[in-house]
Amino acid sequence: MCESFDRLRLRRRPPDWIPALFPLPEYLVDGDRKDDYDDTKTVLQVPWMGVVTMAFSHYRRFYRTLWPGVRPAFQSAEFADGASRVRALAETLAATLGSNCLLEPLRAAGYAPREIDQIRNLISVFHFGNVSYATLATMARALLQGHELAPTDASFSPFQGRHAPDVQVPFVLMEAHHVEGPTRALYEDIKQQLGLPFVNTDYRALARWPTYFAAAWHALRPHVQTPEYELAVAEIHDLLVELAAKLPNPNGLTSAALRQAAINDGSLDEIRRTVELFQWLLPGLILNIACFRGQLAP
């Protein structure tokens, strides 16, 4: 029997094995898949298609059931308000971990105010957008595990306008084959420390400034895997679950419909583990980006 979900029924945990991922980069998509990418970015008010949604959209029946179903939730005032609370919590928790201020070292290294502002703006974009991707992954995990979203008659208040940061950012991704040895080694260290099979978009974009990014990661690294860090990530996870459970569901997406779409793709088990992987890793990414934000606070 399906049931509504809460943080007690949707505990934070990694998948029991890491599935193969098939994220197709934006520059390679066309047709209806490009339409999905463009619509996802427009509704979420982000300039990039996250690895999470690229990986989800590989499973066409699954994504073309999931995204239209949850799309209205991300256009609601309820989401805008809840996402703001998640970001505020991440900032508070990042401050409790302690962040080394990097402003003076960057200035001493020759970073101009304009360059530091560009980095700050890029971090702000990720700080905003990652909450949307984490919420989407949380809703998908709940549905695949047999839980239901809010009823169709739950409160729904359309959000008018834009709530994303009003900034222009240089969005250049430094892939492993673009970078020199030290940055490639940094990528490997990030994957090892965070338990990830890939390097998130955020890190590849911030590595456009390799000396900055090395300093930012090395300032954060001692906190990763500590009890305080894990508790902070769990707190963000729990608030995301609470938010996902309360978001409006006017299109009436059900667990049965999404599970059937995954079955029709012939990949229910693989899809479930893909969803679990991203739903597990994204709360940590939200915290890490909040820490990077704190490192550049005036």
Protein backbone atom coordinates (compact mmCIF):
# COMPACT_ATOMS: atom_id res chain seq x y z
CA MET A 1 0.00 0.00 0.00
CA CYS A 2 1.31 3.46 -0.86
CA GLU A 3 1.56 6.05 1.87
CA SER A 4 2.61 9.63 2.35
CA PHE A 5 6.25 10.02 3.28
CA ASP A 6 8.31 11.88 5.84
CA ARG A 7 11.89 11.89 6.99
CA LEU A 8 11.32 8.81 9.17
CA ARG A 9 10.40 6.76 6.10
CA LEU A 10 12.96 8.35 3.78
CA ARG A 11 16.20 8.09 5.70
CA ARG A 12 19.44 9.36 4.24
CA ARG A 13 21.47 6.50 2.84
CA PRO A 14 23.68 5.79 -0.17
CA PRO A 15 22.57 3.21 -2.73
CA ASP A 16 23.80 -0.30 -1.95
CA TRP A 17 25.72 -0.23 -5.22
CA ILE A 18 26.67 2.57 -7.62
CA PRO A 19 24.88 2.19 -10.96
CA ALA A 20 26.26 3.13 -14.34
CA LEU A 21 25.25 6.68 -15.24
CA PHE A 22 24.34 7.97 -18.68
CA PRO A 23 24.20 11.80 -18.53
CA LEU A 24 24.13 13.24 -22.04
CA PRO A 25 25.75 16.71 -22.21
CA GLU A 26 23.58 19.60 -23.33
CA TYR A 27 25.56 20.19 -26.51
CA LEU A 28 24.78 16.65 -27.73
CA VAL A 29 21.01 16.61 -27.26
CA ASP A 30 18.37 17.34 -29.86
CA GLY A 31 14.69 16.69 -30.50
CA ASP A 32 12.36 16.04 -27.58
CA ARG A 33 15.27 15.48 -25.22
CA LYS A 34 16.54 18.99 -25.92
CA ASP A 35 13.02 20.24 -25.27
CA ASP A 36 13.10 18.49 -21.90
CA TYR A 37 16.45 20.04 -21.04
CA ASP A 38 15.34 23.54 -22.03
CA ASP A 39 12.06 23.29 -20.17
CA THR A 40 13.72 21.92 -17.03
CA LYS A 41 16.22 24.79 -16.97
CA THR A 42 13.52 27.39 -17.63
CA VAL A 43 11.20 26.19 -14.87
CA LEU A 44 14.00 25.72 -12.33
CA GLN A 45 15.45 29.11 -13.35
CA VAL A 46 18.98 27.73 -13.73
CA PRO A 47 21.56 28.10 -16.53
CA TRP A 48 22.67 24.46 -16.48
CA MET A 49 21.11 21.04 -16.78
CA GLY A 50 22.33 19.19 -13.70
CA VAL A 51 24.02 15.83 -13.98
CA VAL A 52 21.10 14.52 -11.92
CA THR A 53 18.46 15.42 -14.50
CA MET A 54 20.71 14.49 -17.41
CA ALA A 55 21.09 11.05 -15.84
CA PHE A 56 17.36 10.77 -15.13
CA SER A 57 16.40 11.80 -18.66
CA HIS A 58 18.38 8.90 -20.13
CA TYR A 59 15.34 6.85 -19.14
CA ARG A 60 12.85 8.47 -21.45
CA ARG A 61 9.54 7.06 -20.15
CA PHE A 62 10.67 7.64 -16.59
CA TYR A 63 11.68 11.27 -17.09
CA ARG A 64 8.74 12.11 -19.32
CA THR A 65 6.49 10.93 -16.50
CA LEU A 66 8.45 12.44 -13.61
CA TRP A 67 9.12 15.92 -14.97
CA PRO A 68 5.61 16.85 -16.21
CA GLY A 69 4.24 15.45 -12.96
CA VAL A 70 6.38 17.53 -10.60
CA ARG A 71 6.82 20.57 -12.88
CA PRO A 72 4.04 22.66 -11.25
CA ALA A 73 5.58 22.19 -7.81
CA PHE A 74 8.65 24.14 -8.90
CA GLN A 75 6.48 27.00 -10.15
CA SER A 76 4.80 27.41 -6.77
CA ALA A 77 5.25 29.95 -3.99
CA GLU A 78 5.36 26.98 -1.63
CA PHE A 79 8.57 25.79 -3.30
CA ALA A 80 10.15 29.24 -3.45
CA ASP A 81 9.56 29.69 0.27
CA GLY A 82 10.72 26.19 1.20
CA ALA A 83 13.85 26.39 -0.95
CA SER A 84 14.77 29.65 0.71
CA ARG A 85 14.58 27.90 4.08
CA VAL A 86 16.86 25.10 2.87
CA ARG A 87 19.46 27.61 1.66
CA ALA A 88 19.29 29.55 4.92
CA LEU A 89 19.80 26.34 6.90
CA ALA A 90 22.80 25.39 4.74
CA GLU A 91 24.38 28.80 5.35
CA THR A 92 23.84 28.50 9.11
CA LEU A 93 25.31 25.01 9.22
CA ALA A 94 28.28 26.02 7.05
CA ALA A 95 29.03 28.81 9.52
CA THR A 96 29.03 26.35 12.42
CA LEU A 97 31.62 24.21 10.64
CA GLY A 98 33.83 27.26 10.28
CA SER A 99 35.09 28.65 6.99
CA ASN A 100 38.54 30.03 6.33
CA CYS A 101 38.17 33.43 4.69
CA LEU A 102 39.95 33.28 1.35
CA LEU A 103 39.64 36.93 0.37
CA GLU A 104 43.06 38.09 1.50
CA PRO A 105 44.94 35.07 0.09
CA LEU A 106 43.17 35.53 -3.26
CA ARG A 107 43.94 39.24 -3.33
CA ALA A 108 47.54 38.54 -2.45
CA ALA A 109 47.70 36.03 -5.30
CA GLY A 110 46.53 38.72 -7.74
CA TYR A 111 42.77 38.12 -7.97
CA ALA A 112 41.03 41.35 -8.91
CA PRO A 113 37.69 42.36 -7.34
CA ARG A 114 35.94 41.62 -10.64
CA GLU A 115 37.27 38.04 -10.64
CA ILE A 116 36.23 37.45 -7.04
CA ASP A 117 32.77 38.79 -7.85
CA GLN A 118 32.52 36.37 -10.78
CA ILE A 119 33.34 33.47 -8.48
CA ARG A 120 30.83 34.71 -5.90
CA ASN A 121 28.13 35.00 -8.56
CA LEU A 122 28.77 31.50 -9.85
CA ILE A 123 28.57 30.11 -6.33
CA SER A 124 25.28 31.98 -5.84
CA VAL A 125 23.82 30.29 -8.93
CA PHE A 126 24.74 26.84 -7.61
CA HIS A 127 23.60 27.77 -4.09
CA PHE A 128 20.19 28.54 -5.60
CA GLY A 129 19.85 25.77 -8.16
CA ASN A 130 21.09 22.77 -6.20
CA VAL A 131 18.09 22.94 -3.88
CA SER A 132 15.77 22.46 -6.86
CA TYR A 133 17.70 19.45 -8.10
CA ALA A 134 17.85 17.93 -4.61
CA THR A 135 14.10 18.40 -4.14
CA LEU A 136 13.39 16.77 -7.51
CA ALA A 137 15.57 13.78 -6.61
CA THR A 138 13.83 13.50 -3.22
CA MET A 139 10.38 13.45 -4.82
CA ALA A 140 11.54 10.81 -7.32
CA ARG A 141 13.02 8.60 -4.60
CA ALA A 142 9.85 8.81 -2.51
CA LEU A 143 7.64 7.85 -5.44
CA LEU A 144 9.84 4.93 -6.49
CA GLN A 145 9.78 3.62 -2.92
CA GLY A 146 6.00 3.54 -2.93
CA HIS A 147 5.24 6.80 -1.14
CA GLU A 148 2.84 9.43 -2.47
CA LEU A 149 3.22 13.15 -2.93
CA ALA A 150 0.72 15.67 -1.61
CA PRO A 151 -2.90 15.19 -2.72
CA THR A 152 -4.03 17.05 -5.83
CA ASP A 153 -6.13 19.46 -3.78
CA ALA A 154 -3.18 20.58 -1.60
CA SER A 155 -2.50 24.30 -1.44
CA PHE A 156 -0.97 25.65 -4.65
CA SER A 157 0.01 29.29 -5.06
CA PRO A 158 1.70 30.09 -8.38
CA PHE A 159 4.92 32.02 -7.95
CA GLN A 160 5.00 35.10 -10.13
CA GLY A 161 8.32 36.31 -11.47
CA ARG A 162 11.88 35.23 -10.90
CA HIS A 163 13.52 34.16 -7.66
CA ALA A 164 16.89 33.04 -9.05
CA PRO A 165 19.96 35.27 -8.58
CA ASP A 166 19.98 38.13 -11.05
CA VAL A 167 23.58 37.63 -12.15
CA GLN A 168 25.47 36.79 -15.30
CA VAL A 169 28.03 34.04 -14.78
CA PRO A 170 30.85 32.58 -16.90
CA PHE A 171 29.70 28.99 -17.26
CA VAL A 172 32.76 27.08 -18.47
CA LEU A 173 33.21 23.49 -17.35
CA MET A 174 36.76 22.25 -16.87
CA GLU A 175 36.59 18.57 -17.72
CA ALA A 176 39.31 16.19 -16.53
CA HIS A 177 40.86 16.13 -20.00
CA HIS A 178 41.05 19.95 -20.03
CA VAL A 179 43.05 20.40 -16.85
CA GLU A 180 46.63 19.94 -15.78
CA GLY A 181 47.83 17.32 -13.33
CA PRO A 182 47.22 19.23 -10.06
CA THR A 183 43.55 19.90 -10.86
CA ARG A 184 43.05 16.36 -12.13
CA ALA A 185 44.48 15.10 -8.83
CA LEU A 186 42.10 17.44 -7.01
CA TYR A 187 39.17 15.91 -8.89
CA GLU A 188 40.27 12.44 -7.84
CA ASP A 189 40.57 13.57 -4.24
CA ILE A 190 37.07 15.07 -4.32
CA LYS A 191 35.62 11.81 -5.64
CA GLN A 192 37.45 9.78 -3.01
CA GLN A 193 36.57 12.05 -0.09
CA LEU A 194 32.91 12.43 -1.06
CA GLY A 195 32.40 8.86 -2.28
CA LEU A 196 31.30 9.93 -5.76
CA PRO A 197 31.78 8.26 -9.14
CA PHE A 198 31.99 11.65 -10.92
CA VAL A 199 32.87 15.30 -10.28
CA ASN A 200 29.81 17.52 -9.94
CA THR A 201 29.18 20.38 -12.36
CA ASP A 202 29.77 22.88 -9.55
CA TYR A 203 33.36 21.78 -9.01
CA ARG A 204 34.16 21.61 -12.72
CA ALA A 205 32.80 25.14 -13.18
CA LEU A 206 34.69 26.59 -10.20
CA ALA A 207 37.90 24.93 -11.41
CA ARG A 208 37.96 27.57 -14.14
CA TRP A 209 39.98 29.42 -11.48
CA PRO A 210 42.32 26.55 -10.49
CA THR A 211 44.29 28.33 -7.76
CA TYR A 212 41.06 29.58 -6.16
CA PHE A 213 39.39 26.19 -6.38
CA ALA A 214 42.37 24.37 -4.88
CA ALA A 215 42.33 26.79 -1.93
CA ALA A 216 38.54 26.44 -1.50
CA TRP A 217 38.61 22.63 -1.53
CA HIS A 218 41.60 22.38 0.83
CA ALA A 219 39.82 24.70 3.28
CA LEU A 220 36.69 22.52 3.18
CA ARG A 221 38.36 19.11 3.06
CA PRO A 222 39.21 18.76 6.80
CA HIS A 223 35.50 19.03 7.64
CA VAL A 224 34.34 16.33 5.21
CA GLN A 225 33.54 12.96 6.83
CA THR A 226 33.63 14.44 10.35
CA PRO A 227 30.66 13.74 12.65
CA GLU A 228 29.73 17.44 12.61
CA TYR A 229 29.71 17.49 8.83
CA GLU A 230 27.59 14.34 8.56
CA LEU A 231 25.07 15.72 11.07
CA ALA A 232 24.84 18.96 9.08
CA VAL A 233 24.25 17.07 5.82
CA ALA A 234 21.58 14.93 7.51
CA GLU A 235 19.81 18.06 8.74
CA ILE A 236 19.70 19.47 5.20
CA HIS A 237 18.44 16.11 3.92
CA ASP A 238 15.64 16.06 6.49
CA LEU A 239 14.47 19.56 5.58
CA LEU A 240 14.46 18.62 1.89
CA VAL A 241 12.29 15.59 2.66
CA GLU A 242 9.93 17.77 4.66
CA LEU A 243 9.73 20.25 1.76
CA ALA A 244 9.18 17.56 -0.89
CA ALA A 245 6.38 15.97 1.14
CA LYS A 246 4.47 19.26 1.34
CA LEU A 247 4.83 20.57 -2.20
CA PRO A 248 1.68 20.82 -4.31
CA ASN A 249 0.88 18.01 -6.74
CA PRO A 250 -1.84 19.43 -9.00
CA ASN A 251 -1.03 17.02 -11.84
CA GLY A 252 -1.60 14.07 -9.53
CA LEU A 253 1.63 12.18 -10.15
CA THR A 254 1.44 8.84 -8.33
CA SER A 255 3.94 6.25 -7.22
CA ALA A 256 2.27 3.63 -9.41
CA ALA A 257 2.58 5.80 -12.53
CA LEU A 258 6.25 6.56 -12.01
CA ARG A 259 7.15 2.98 -11.11
CA GLN A 260 5.31 1.73 -14.20
CA ALA A 261 7.23 4.19 -16.38
CA ALA A 262 10.51 2.88 -14.94
CA ILE A 263 9.34 -0.70 -15.57
CA ASN A 264 8.44 0.23 -19.15
CA ASP A 265 12.00 1.50 -19.58
CA GLY A 266 13.11 -1.97 -18.52
CA SER A 267 15.28 -0.50 -15.79
CA LEU A 268 13.36 -0.17 -12.52
CA ASP A 269 16.22 -1.36 -10.31
CA GLU A 270 18.84 0.67 -12.16
CA ILE A 271 16.68 3.80 -12.10
CA ARG A 272 15.94 3.40 -8.40
CA ARG A 273 19.63 3.24 -7.56
CA THR A 274 20.43 6.18 -9.84
CA VAL A 275 17.80 8.23 -8.04
CA GLU A 276 19.07 7.08 -4.63
CA LEU A 277 22.63 8.08 -5.55
CA PHE A 278 21.69 11.65 -6.40
CA GLN A 279 19.24 12.02 -3.53
CA TRP A 280 22.05 10.94 -1.21
CA LEU A 281 24.80 13.17 -2.61
CA LEU A 282 22.95 16.44 -3.24
CA PRO A 283 22.43 17.50 0.41
CA GLY A 284 26.21 17.30 0.85
CA LEU A 285 26.75 19.36 -2.28
CA ILE A 286 24.36 22.00 -0.94
CA LEU A 287 26.41 22.21 2.26
CA ASN A 288 29.73 22.33 0.40
CA ILE A 289 28.58 25.19 -1.81
CA ALA A 290 27.35 27.05 1.28
CA CYS A 291 30.84 26.61 2.75
CA PHE A 292 32.42 27.99 -0.43
CA ARG A 293 30.01 30.92 -0.18
CA GLY A 294 31.12 31.57 3.39
CA GLN A 295 34.79 31.53 2.39
CA LEU A 296 34.20 34.58 0.18
CA ALA A 297 31.88 36.48 2.51
CA PRO A 298 32.96 40.14 2.78
